[in-house]
Amino acid sequence: MSVYDDLAAAKSAADLNAHHSRDDTHSNEHPHEQVHVHSHDHVDHCFQYLRQSLLCCGDTALEGQDPRTDNPGTDGTGAVHICKDFDGILAWADSRRLVDAKHN
C-alpha cells in the first residue's frame, strides 16, 4: 500500500537531512549568497508532522508489482489513487476563514 512507501520516503528524507545538517547559513555552491537554514528541531518537527499526516490519511491504493521484473517491490508507478478534491478543500477553508488574508 502507498502509505508504507510514503512513510519510508519521509524517513529517508529525514535521515538524509540529519546527515547533511549544518549550523552555518551559507551555501557552499554560492558562497556569497546567504540562505535561510531551519534548525534541526524545526525540520524534525516538519518531518514528524508529515509522518503523522501520512499515518492519519494513509493511502491504501494497491501498488502491484511490475510484471516486467522479478523484484518483489514496487515504485508505485501506474497505481490508481482516489484523491481528495483539493480545490474543494481550499474553497471550504476560504469560506470559513476568520481573517481576510489569503493562503500562499
PDB file of N, CA and C in Angstrom:
ATOM      1  N   MET A   1       0.841  -1.181   0.000  1.00  0.00           N
ATOM      2  CA  MET A   1       0.000   0.000   0.000  1.00  0.00           C
ATOM      3  C   MET A   1       0.886   1.245   0.000  1.00  0.00           C
ATOM      4  N   SER A   2       0.412   2.272  -0.608  1.00  0.00           N
ATOM      5  CA  SER A   2       1.186   3.503  -0.793  1.00  0.00           C
ATOM      6  C   SER A   2       1.672   4.126   0.501  1.00  0.00           C
ATOM      7  N   VAL A   3       0.881   4.029   1.552  1.00  0.00           N
ATOM      8  CA  VAL A   3       1.255   4.702   2.797  1.00  0.00           C
ATOM      9  C   VAL A   3       2.612   4.220   3.304  1.00  0.00           C
ATOM     10  N   TYR A   4       2.941   2.959   3.073  1.00  0.00           N
ATOM     11  CA  TYR A   4       4.240   2.447   3.526  1.00  0.00           C
ATOM     12  C   TYR A   4       5.381   3.069   2.731  1.00  0.00           C
ATOM     13  N   ASP A   5       5.182   3.243   1.415  1.00  0.00           N
ATOM     14  CA  ASP A   5       6.198   3.927   0.608  1.00  0.00           C
ATOM     15  C   ASP A   5       6.333   5.381   1.038  1.00  0.00           C
ATOM     16  N   ASP A   6       5.196   6.029   1.343  1.00  0.00           N
ATOM     17  CA  ASP A   6       5.230   7.423   1.794  1.00  0.00           C
ATOM     18  C   ASP A   6       6.039   7.556   3.084  1.00  0.00           C
ATOM     19  N   LEU A   7       5.781   6.665   4.031  1.00  0.00           N
ATOM     20  CA  LEU A   7       6.490   6.715   5.312  1.00  0.00           C
ATOM     21  C   LEU A   7       7.976   6.424   5.142  1.00  0.00           C
ATOM     22  N   ALA A   8       8.305   5.473   4.271  1.00  0.00           N
ATOM     23  CA  ALA A   8       9.716   5.161   4.029  1.00  0.00           C
ATOM     24  C   ALA A   8      10.426   6.349   3.393  1.00  0.00           C
ATOM     25  N   ALA A   9       9.741   7.036   2.482  1.00  0.00           N
ATOM     26  CA  ALA A   9      10.334   8.215   1.844  1.00  0.00           C
ATOM     27  C   ALA A   9      10.561   9.330   2.861  1.00  0.00           C
ATOM     28  N   ALA A  10       9.584   9.550   3.738  1.00  0.00           N
ATOM     29  CA  ALA A  10       9.739  10.586   4.762  1.00  0.00           C
ATOM     30  C   ALA A  10      10.891  10.240   5.701  1.00  0.00           C
ATOM     31  N   LYS A  11      11.027   8.971   6.070  1.00  0.00           N
ATOM     32  CA  LYS A  11      12.121   8.539   6.948  1.00  0.00           C
ATOM     33  C   LYS A  11      13.463   8.720   6.254  1.00  0.00           C
ATOM     34  N   SER A  12      13.537   8.361   4.981  1.00  0.00           N
ATOM     35  CA  SER A  12      14.788   8.528   4.231  1.00  0.00           C
ATOM     36  C   SER A  12      15.171   9.993   4.125  1.00  0.00           C
ATOM     37  N   ALA A  13      14.187  10.836   3.838  1.00  0.00           N
ATOM     38  CA  ALA A  13      14.464  12.267   3.721  1.00  0.00           C
ATOM     39  C   ALA A  13      14.918  12.839   5.062  1.00  0.00           C
ATOM     40  N   ALA A  14      14.293  12.407   6.156  1.00  0.00           N
ATOM     41  CA  ALA A  14      14.690  12.882   7.484  1.00  0.00           C
ATOM     42  C   ALA A  14      16.109  12.431   7.815  1.00  0.00           C
ATOM     43  N   ASP A  15      16.434  11.179   7.496  1.00  0.00           N
ATOM     44  CA  ASP A  15      17.789  10.678   7.749  1.00  0.00           C
ATOM     45  C   ASP A  15      18.811  11.446   6.928  1.00  0.00           C
ATOM     46  N   LEU A  16      18.486  11.709   5.663  1.00  0.00           N
ATOM     47  CA  LEU A  16      19.393  12.458   4.796  1.00  0.00           C
ATOM     48  C   LEU A  16      19.589  13.874   5.328  1.00  0.00           C
ATOM     49  N   ASN A  17      18.494  14.499   5.736  1.00  0.00           N
ATOM     50  CA  ASN A  17      18.580  15.847   6.277  1.00  0.00           C
ATOM     51  C   ASN A  17      19.446  15.873   7.533  1.00  0.00           C
ATOM     52  N   ALA A  18      19.260  14.905   8.412  1.00  0.00           N
ATOM     53  CA  ALA A  18      20.056  14.851   9.638  1.00  0.00           C
ATOM     54  C   ALA A  18      21.536  14.679   9.315  1.00  0.00           C
ATOM     55  N   HIS A  19      21.821  13.886   8.288  1.00  0.00           N
ATOM     56  CA  HIS A  19      23.209  13.647   7.893  1.00  0.00           C
ATOM     57  C   HIS A  19      23.863  14.908   7.329  1.00  0.00           C
ATOM     58  N   HIS A  20      23.088  15.696   6.591  1.00  0.00           N
ATOM     59  CA  HIS A  20      23.651  16.860   5.906  1.00  0.00           C
ATOM     60  C   HIS A  20      23.414  18.181   6.635  1.00  0.00           C
ATOM     61  N   SER A  21      22.799  18.132   7.817  1.00  0.00           N
ATOM     62  CA  SER A  21      22.534  19.370   8.554  1.00  0.00           C
ATOM     63  C   SER A  21      23.839  20.048   8.945  1.00  0.00           C
ATOM     64  N   ARG A  22      23.818  21.373   8.848  1.00  0.00           N
ATOM     65  CA  ARG A  22      24.961  22.178   9.273  1.00  0.00           C
ATOM     66  C   ARG A  22      24.435  23.369  10.052  1.00  0.00           C
ATOM     67  N   ASP A  23      25.277  23.948  10.872  1.00  0.00           N
ATOM     68  CA  ASP A  23      24.882  25.111  11.659  1.00  0.00           C
ATOM     69  C   ASP A  23      25.095  26.425  10.926  1.00  0.00           C
ATOM     70  N   ASP A  24      25.822  26.403   9.801  1.00  0.00           N
ATOM     71  CA  ASP A  24      26.079  27.668   9.106  1.00  0.00           C
ATOM     72  C   ASP A  24      24.883  28.066   8.246  1.00  0.00           C
ATOM     73  N   THR A  25      24.889  29.297   7.786  1.00  0.00           N
ATOM     74  CA  THR A  25      23.796  29.786   6.948  1.00  0.00           C
ATOM     75  C   THR A  25      24.291  30.184   5.567  1.00  0.00           C
ATOM     76  N   HIS A  26      25.413  29.618   5.134  1.00  0.00           N
ATOM     77  CA  HIS A  26      25.950  29.925   3.808  1.00  0.00           C
ATOM     78  C   HIS A  26      26.032  28.646   2.995  1.00  0.00           C
ATOM     79  N   SER A  27      25.688  28.741   1.748  1.00  0.00           N
ATOM     80  CA  SER A  27      25.764  27.602   0.846  1.00  0.00           C
ATOM     81  C   SER A  27      27.167  27.476   0.281  1.00  0.00           C
ATOM     82  N   ASN A  28      27.666  26.257   0.161  1.00  0.00           N
ATOM     83  CA  ASN A  28      28.970  26.030  -0.467  1.00  0.00           C
ATOM     84  C   ASN A  28      28.916  26.325  -1.959  1.00  0.00           C
ATOM     85  N   GLU A  29      27.748  26.148  -2.573  1.00  0.00           N
ATOM     86  CA  GLU A  29      27.619  26.366  -4.009  1.00  0.00           C
ATOM     87  C   GLU A  29      27.657  27.850  -4.354  1.00  0.00           C
ATOM     88  N   HIS A  30      27.135  28.674  -3.488  1.00  0.00           N
ATOM     89  CA  HIS A  30      27.082  30.122  -3.702  1.00  0.00           C
ATOM     90  C   HIS A  30      27.602  30.797  -2.437  1.00  0.00           C
ATOM     91  N   PRO A  31      28.919  30.903  -2.287  1.00  0.00           N
ATOM     92  CA  PRO A  31      29.489  31.375  -1.018  1.00  0.00           C
ATOM     93  C   PRO A  31      29.073  32.785  -0.626  1.00  0.00           C
ATOM     94  N   HIS A  32      28.636  33.617  -1.578  1.00  0.00           N
ATOM     95  CA  HIS A  32      28.242  34.989  -1.241  1.00  0.00           C
ATOM     96  C   HIS A  32      26.739  35.120  -1.024  1.00  0.00           C
ATOM     97  N   GLU A  33      26.013  34.047  -1.258  1.00  0.00           N
ATOM     98  CA  GLU A  33      24.562  34.076  -1.108  1.00  0.00           C
ATOM     99  C   GLU A  33      24.183  33.488   0.243  1.00  0.00           C
ATOM    100  N   GLN A  34      23.436  34.248   1.032  1.00  0.00           N
ATOM    101  CA  GLN A  34      23.010  33.766   2.340  1.00  0.00           C
ATOM    102  C   GLN A  34      21.681  33.039   2.175  1.00  0.00           C
ATOM    103  N   VAL A  35      21.585  31.866   2.739  1.00  0.00           N
ATOM    104  CA  VAL A  35      20.360  31.083   2.675  1.00  0.00           C
ATOM    105  C   VAL A  35      19.830  30.863   4.083  1.00  0.00           C
ATOM    106  N   HIS A  36      18.512  30.784   4.184  1.00  0.00           N
ATOM    107  CA  HIS A  36      17.892  30.545   5.481  1.00  0.00           C
ATOM    108  C   HIS A  36      17.913  29.046   5.754  1.00  0.00           C
ATOM    109  N   VAL A  37      18.473  28.661   6.863  1.00  0.00           N
ATOM    110  CA  VAL A  37      18.531  27.260   7.253  1.00  0.00           C
ATOM    111  C   VAL A  37      17.719  27.102   8.532  1.00  0.00           C
ATOM    112  N   HIS A  38      16.701  26.252   8.481  1.00  0.00           N
ATOM    113  CA  HIS A  38      15.902  25.992   9.677  1.00  0.00           C
ATOM    114  C   HIS A  38      16.712  25.149  10.651  1.00  0.00           C
ATOM    115  N   SER A  39      16.406  25.299  11.916  1.00  0.00           N
ATOM    116  CA  SER A  39      17.075  24.486  12.927  1.00  0.00           C
ATOM    117  C   SER A  39      16.714  23.019  12.718  1.00  0.00           C
ATOM    118  N   HIS A  40      17.588  22.157  13.184  1.00  0.00           N
ATOM    119  CA  HIS A  40      17.342  20.719  13.074  1.00  0.00           C
ATOM    120  C   HIS A  40      16.022  20.355  13.765  1.00  0.00           C
ATOM    121  N   ASP A  41      15.744  20.971  14.913  1.00  0.00           N
ATOM    122  CA  ASP A  41      14.500  20.687  15.633  1.00  0.00           C
ATOM    123  C   ASP A  41      13.282  21.055  14.801  1.00  0.00           C
ATOM    124  N   HIS A  42      13.361  22.188  14.092  1.00  0.00           N
ATOM    125  CA  HIS A  42      12.233  22.611  13.265  1.00  0.00           C
ATOM    126  C   HIS A  42      12.016  21.644  12.105  1.00  0.00           C
ATOM    127  N   VAL A  43      13.091  21.269  11.434  1.00  0.00           N
ATOM    128  CA  VAL A  43      12.978  20.341  10.306  1.00  0.00           C
ATOM    129  C   VAL A  43      12.467  18.987  10.797  1.00  0.00           C
ATOM    130  N   ASP A  44      12.965  18.537  11.946  1.00  0.00           N
ATOM    131  CA  ASP A  44      12.486  17.280  12.513  1.00  0.00           C
ATOM    132  C   ASP A  44      10.995  17.372  12.808  1.00  0.00           C
ATOM    133  N   HIS A  45      10.556  18.499  13.356  1.00  0.00           N
ATOM    134  CA  HIS A  45       9.132  18.706  13.614  1.00  0.00           C
ATOM    135  C   HIS A  45       8.331  18.580  12.320  1.00  0.00           C
ATOM    136  N   CYS A  46       8.844  19.166  11.233  1.00  0.00           N
ATOM    137  CA  CYS A  46       8.139  19.106   9.949  1.00  0.00           C
ATOM    138  C   CYS A  46       7.998  17.669   9.462  1.00  0.00           C
ATOM    139  N   PHE A  47       9.072  16.908   9.569  1.00  0.00           N
ATOM    140  CA  PHE A  47       9.001  15.515   9.135  1.00  0.00           C
ATOM    141  C   PHE A  47       8.067  14.704  10.026  1.00  0.00           C
ATOM    142  N   GLN A  48       8.067  14.972  11.324  1.00  0.00           N
ATOM    143  CA  GLN A  48       7.151  14.264  12.216  1.00  0.00           C
ATOM    144  C   GLN A  48       5.698  14.623  11.896  1.00  0.00           C
ATOM    145  N   TYR A  49       5.472  15.880  11.541  1.00  0.00           N
ATOM    146  CA  TYR A  49       4.132  16.318  11.159  1.00  0.00           C
ATOM    147  C   TYR A  49       3.694  15.611   9.881  1.00  0.00           C
ATOM    148  N   LEU A  50       4.605  15.522   8.902  1.00  0.00           N
ATOM    149  CA  LEU A  50       4.323  14.805   7.657  1.00  0.00           C
ATOM    150  C   LEU A  50       4.033  13.335   7.948  1.00  0.00           C
ATOM    151  N   ARG A  51       4.836  12.731   8.795  1.00  0.00           N
ATOM    152  CA  ARG A  51       4.638  11.329   9.159  1.00  0.00           C
ATOM    153  C   ARG A  51       3.260  11.127   9.784  1.00  0.00           C
ATOM    154  N   GLN A  52       2.877  12.020  10.699  1.00  0.00           N
ATOM    155  CA  GLN A  52       1.572  11.914  11.346  1.00  0.00           C
ATOM    156  C   GLN A  52       0.454  12.025  10.317  1.00  0.00           C
ATOM    157  N   SER A  53       0.599  12.945   9.385  1.00  0.00           N
ATOM    158  CA  SER A  53      -0.405  13.117   8.343  1.00  0.00           C
ATOM    159  C   SER A  53      -0.537  11.860   7.491  1.00  0.00           C
ATOM    160  N   LEU A  54       0.587  11.275   7.146  1.00  0.00           N
ATOM    161  CA  LEU A  54       0.552  10.057   6.340  1.00  0.00           C
ATOM    162  C   LEU A  54      -0.107   8.911   7.098  1.00  0.00           C
ATOM    163  N   LEU A  55       0.156   8.828   8.400  1.00  0.00           N
ATOM    164  CA  LEU A  55      -0.471   7.780   9.201  1.00  0.00           C
ATOM    165  C   LEU A  55      -1.978   7.993   9.298  1.00  0.00           C
ATOM    166  N   CYS A  56      -2.395   9.239   9.466  1.00  0.00           N
ATOM    167  CA  CYS A  56      -3.821   9.537   9.612  1.00  0.00           C
ATOM    168  C   CYS A  56      -4.590   9.387   8.302  1.00  0.00           C
ATOM    169  N   CYS A  57      -3.957   9.739   7.208  1.00  0.00           N
ATOM    170  CA  CYS A  57      -4.631   9.740   5.904  1.00  0.00           C
ATOM    171  C   CYS A  57      -4.018   8.700   4.973  1.00  0.00           C
ATOM    172  N   GLY A  58      -3.553   7.607   5.521  1.00  0.00           N
ATOM    173  CA  GLY A  58      -2.831   6.601   4.749  1.00  0.00           C
ATOM    174  C   GLY A  58      -3.538   6.209   3.460  1.00  0.00           C
ATOM    175  N   ASP A  59      -2.824   6.307   2.364  1.00  0.00           N
ATOM    176  CA  ASP A  59      -3.326   5.926   1.050  1.00  0.00           C
ATOM    177  C   ASP A  59      -3.248   4.408   0.943  1.00  0.00           C
ATOM    178  N   THR A  60      -4.390   3.751   0.803  1.00  0.00           N
ATOM    179  CA  THR A  60      -4.420   2.294   0.752  1.00  0.00           C
ATOM    180  C   THR A  60      -4.502   1.751  -0.668  1.00  0.00           C
ATOM    181  N   ALA A  61      -4.159   2.581  -1.654  1.00  0.00           N
ATOM    182  CA  ALA A  61      -4.144   2.105  -3.040  1.00  0.00           C
ATOM    183  C   ALA A  61      -3.139   0.962  -3.163  1.00  0.00           C
ATOM    184  N   LEU A  62      -3.539  -0.088  -3.843  1.00  0.00           N
ATOM    185  CA  LEU A  62      -2.635  -1.216  -4.056  1.00  0.00           C
ATOM    186  C   LEU A  62      -1.679  -0.872  -5.185  1.00  0.00           C
ATOM    187  N   GLU A  63      -0.411  -1.110  -4.954  1.00  0.00           N
ATOM    188  CA  GLU A  63       0.632  -0.794  -5.932  1.00  0.00           C
ATOM    189  C   GLU A  63       1.251  -2.097  -6.415  1.00  0.00           C
ATOM    190  N   GLY A  64       0.597  -2.748  -7.329  1.00  0.00           N
ATOM    191  CA  GLY A  64       1.046  -4.052  -7.802  1.00  0.00           C
ATOM    192  C   GLY A  64       2.487  -4.077  -8.278  1.00  0.00           C
ATOM    193  N   GLN A  65       3.069  -5.256  -8.224  1.00  0.00           N
ATOM    194  CA  GLN A  65       4.450  -5.468  -8.658  1.00  0.00           C
ATOM    195  C   GLN A  65       4.546  -5.290 -10.166  1.00  0.00           C
ATOM    196  N   ASP A  66       5.652  -4.736 -10.636  1.00  0.00           N
ATOM    197  CA  ASP A  66       5.911  -4.573 -12.064  1.00  0.00           C
ATOM    198  C   ASP A  66       6.102  -5.963 -12.672  1.00  0.00           C
ATOM    199  N   PRO A  67       5.220  -6.377 -13.610  1.00  0.00           N
ATOM    200  CA  PRO A  67       5.323  -7.728 -14.177  1.00  0.00           C
ATOM    201  C   PRO A  67       6.564  -7.931 -15.043  1.00  0.00           C
ATOM    202  N   ARG A  68       7.265  -6.851 -15.389  1.00  0.00           N
ATOM    203  CA  ARG A  68       8.454  -6.965 -16.240  1.00  0.00           C
ATOM    204  C   ARG A  68       9.712  -7.279 -15.447  1.00  0.00           C
ATOM    205  N   THR A  69       9.597  -7.334 -14.116  1.00  0.00           N
ATOM    206  CA  THR A  69      10.775  -7.615 -13.289  1.00  0.00           C
ATOM    207  C   THR A  69      10.464  -8.724 -12.294  1.00  0.00           C
ATOM    208  N   ASP A  70      11.506  -9.253 -11.702  1.00  0.00           N
ATOM    209  CA  ASP A  70      11.344 -10.238 -10.628  1.00  0.00           C
ATOM    210  C   ASP A  70      11.482  -9.588  -9.255  1.00  0.00           C
ATOM    211  N   ASN A  71      11.626  -8.262  -9.233  1.00  0.00           N
ATOM    212  CA  ASN A  71      11.768  -7.556  -7.961  1.00  0.00           C
ATOM    213  C   ASN A  71      10.469  -7.651  -7.169  1.00  0.00           C
ATOM    214  N   PRO A  72      10.555  -7.938  -5.870  1.00  0.00           N
ATOM    215  CA  PRO A  72       9.343  -8.080  -5.070  1.00  0.00           C
ATOM    216  C   PRO A  72       8.681  -6.754  -4.716  1.00  0.00           C
ATOM    217  N   GLY A  73       9.367  -5.636  -4.922  1.00  0.00           N
ATOM    218  CA  GLY A  73       8.823  -4.336  -4.528  1.00  0.00           C
ATOM    219  C   GLY A  73       8.166  -3.610  -5.684  1.00  0.00           C
ATOM    220  N   THR A  74       7.831  -2.372  -5.428  1.00  0.00           N
ATOM    221  CA  THR A  74       7.198  -1.527  -6.434  1.00  0.00           C
ATOM    222  C   THR A  74       7.649  -0.094  -6.226  1.00  0.00           C
ATOM    223  N   ASP A  75       7.607   0.699  -7.301  1.00  0.00           N
ATOM    224  CA  ASP A  75       7.891   2.132  -7.157  1.00  0.00           C
ATOM    225  C   ASP A  75       6.609   2.948  -7.212  1.00  0.00           C
ATOM    226  N   GLY A  76       5.475   2.278  -7.318  1.00  0.00           N
ATOM    227  CA  GLY A  76       4.190   2.960  -7.306  1.00  0.00           C
ATOM    228  C   GLY A  76       3.734   3.493  -8.645  1.00  0.00           C
ATOM    229  N   THR A  77       4.575   3.388  -9.668  1.00  0.00           N
ATOM    230  CA  THR A  77       4.218   3.900 -10.986  1.00  0.00           C
ATOM    231  C   THR A  77       2.986   3.177 -11.509  1.00  0.00           C
ATOM    232  N   GLY A  78       2.012   3.952 -11.963  1.00  0.00           N
ATOM    233  CA  GLY A  78       0.808   3.383 -12.550  1.00  0.00           C
ATOM    234  C   GLY A  78      -0.278   3.021 -11.558  1.00  0.00           C
ATOM    235  N   ALA A  79      -0.032   3.174 -10.277  1.00  0.00           N
ATOM    236  CA  ALA A  79      -1.054   2.861  -9.282  1.00  0.00           C
ATOM    237  C   ALA A  79      -2.187   3.880  -9.377  1.00  0.00           C
ATOM    238  N   VAL A  80      -3.397   3.406  -9.187  1.00  0.00           N
ATOM    239  CA  VAL A  80      -4.572   4.275  -9.243  1.00  0.00           C
ATOM    240  C   VAL A  80      -4.894   4.742  -7.826  1.00  0.00           C
ATOM    241  N   HIS A  81      -4.964   6.049  -7.649  1.00  0.00           N
ATOM    242  CA  HIS A  81      -5.250   6.643  -6.346  1.00  0.00           C
ATOM    243  C   HIS A  81      -6.575   7.395  -6.410  1.00  0.00           C
ATOM    244  N   ILE A  82      -7.303   7.376  -5.330  1.00  0.00           N
ATOM    245  CA  ILE A  82      -8.515   8.180  -5.211  1.00  0.00           C
ATOM    246  C   ILE A  82      -8.147   9.364  -4.329  1.00  0.00           C
ATOM    247  N   CYS A  83      -8.071  10.524  -4.952  1.00  0.00           N
ATOM    248  CA  CYS A  83      -7.600  11.719  -4.249  1.00  0.00           C
ATOM    249  C   CYS A  83      -8.760  12.574  -3.771  1.00  0.00           C
ATOM    250  N   LYS A  84      -8.490  13.343  -2.773  1.00  0.00           N
ATOM    251  CA  LYS A  84      -9.462  14.325  -2.308  1.00  0.00           C
ATOM    252  C   LYS A  84      -9.476  15.504  -3.280  1.00  0.00           C
ATOM    253  N   ASP A  85     -10.587  16.200  -3.333  1.00  0.00           N
ATOM    254  CA  ASP A  85     -10.714  17.383  -4.186  1.00  0.00           C
ATOM    255  C   ASP A  85     -10.041  18.555  -3.471  1.00  0.00           C
ATOM    256  N   PHE A  86      -8.756  18.789  -3.784  1.00  0.00           N
ATOM    257  CA  PHE A  86      -8.001  19.814  -3.072  1.00  0.00           C
ATOM    258  C   PHE A  86      -8.573  21.204  -3.310  1.00  0.00           C
ATOM    259  N   ASP A  87      -9.042  21.492  -4.524  1.00  0.00           N
ATOM    260  CA  ASP A  87      -9.675  22.792  -4.780  1.00  0.00           C
ATOM    261  C   ASP A  87     -10.922  22.957  -3.916  1.00  0.00           C
ATOM    262  N   GLY A  88     -11.671  21.879  -3.743  1.00  0.00           N
ATOM    263  CA  GLY A  88     -12.844  21.918  -2.877  1.00  0.00           C
ATOM    264  C   GLY A  88     -12.474  22.156  -1.423  1.00  0.00           C
ATOM    265  N   ILE A  89     -11.389  21.540  -0.988  1.00  0.00           N
ATOM    266  CA  ILE A  89     -10.903  21.740   0.380  1.00  0.00           C
ATOM    267  C   ILE A  89     -10.509  23.197   0.590  1.00  0.00           C
ATOM    268  N   LEU A  90      -9.766  23.760  -0.381  1.00  0.00           N
ATOM    269  CA  LEU A  90      -9.364  25.170  -0.273  1.00  0.00           C
ATOM    270  C   LEU A  90     -10.575  26.094  -0.264  1.00  0.00           C
ATOM    271  N   ALA A  91     -11.552  25.812  -1.124  1.00  0.00           N
ATOM    272  CA  ALA A  91     -12.759  26.648  -1.177  1.00  0.00           C
ATOM    273  C   ALA A  91     -13.509  26.587   0.154  1.00  0.00           C
ATOM    274  N   TRP A  92     -13.617  25.391   0.722  1.00  0.00           N
ATOM    275  CA  TRP A  92     -14.291  25.232   2.005  1.00  0.00           C
ATOM    276  C   TRP A  92     -13.564  26.025   3.088  1.00  0.00           C
ATOM    277  N   ALA A  93     -12.243  25.911   3.135  1.00  0.00           N
ATOM    278  CA  ALA A  93     -11.455  26.623   4.144  1.00  0.00           C
ATOM    279  C   ALA A  93     -11.550  28.132   3.943  1.00  0.00           C
ATOM    280  N   ASP A  94     -11.457  28.577   2.683  1.00  0.00           N
ATOM    281  CA  ASP A  94     -11.552  30.013   2.404  1.00  0.00           C
ATOM    282  C   ASP A  94     -12.901  30.578   2.830  1.00  0.00           C
ATOM    283  N   SER A  95     -13.967  29.808   2.658  1.00  0.00           N
ATOM    284  CA  SER A  95     -15.301  30.304   3.015  1.00  0.00           C
ATOM    285  C   SER A  95     -15.491  30.400   4.527  1.00  0.00           C
ATOM    286  N   ARG A  96     -14.595  29.783   5.293  1.00  0.00           N
ATOM    287  CA  ARG A  96     -14.725  29.775   6.747  1.00  0.00           C
ATOM    288  C   ARG A  96     -13.578  30.472   7.466  1.00  0.00           C
ATOM    289  N   ARG A  97     -12.703  31.141   6.723  1.00  0.00           N
ATOM    290  CA  ARG A  97     -11.554  31.786   7.369  1.00  0.00           C
ATOM    291  C   ARG A  97     -12.004  32.977   8.208  1.00  0.00           C
ATOM    292  N   LEU A  98     -11.245  33.243   9.256  1.00  0.00           N
ATOM    293  CA  LEU A  98     -11.594  34.311  10.188  1.00  0.00           C
ATOM    294  C   LEU A  98     -10.991  35.653   9.807  1.00  0.00           C
ATOM    295  N   VAL A  99      -9.905  35.642   9.052  1.00  0.00           N
ATOM    296  CA  VAL A  99      -9.276  36.882   8.607  1.00  0.00           C
ATOM    297  C   VAL A  99      -9.297  36.916   7.088  1.00  0.00           C
ATOM    298  N   ASP A 100      -9.120  38.091   6.525  1.00  0.00           N
ATOM    299  CA  ASP A 100      -9.246  38.248   5.084  1.00  0.00           C
ATOM    300  C   ASP A 100      -7.924  38.051   4.347  1.00  0.00           C
ATOM    301  N   ALA A 101      -6.973  37.382   4.961  1.00  0.00           N
ATOM    302  CA  ALA A 101      -5.692  37.118   4.303  1.00  0.00           C
ATOM    303  C   ALA A 101      -5.779  35.788   3.570  1.00  0.00           C
ATOM    304  N   LYS A 102      -5.278  35.760   2.342  1.00  0.00           N
ATOM    305  CA  LYS A 102      -5.282  34.533   1.545  1.00  0.00           C
ATOM    306  C   LYS A 102      -4.054  33.701   1.874  1.00  0.00           C
ATOM    307  N   HIS A 103      -4.163  32.397   1.709  1.00  0.00           N
ATOM    308  CA  HIS A 103      -3.020  31.493   1.861  1.00  0.00           C
ATOM    309  C   HIS A 103      -2.160  31.586   0.618  1.00  0.00           C
ATOM    310  N   ASN A 104      -0.892  31.135   0.731  1.00  0.00           N
ATOM    311  CA  ASN A 104       0.015  31.140  -0.424  1.00  0.00           C
ATOM    312  C   ASN A 104       0.024  29.810  -1.094  1.00  0.00           C
TER     313      ASN A 104
END
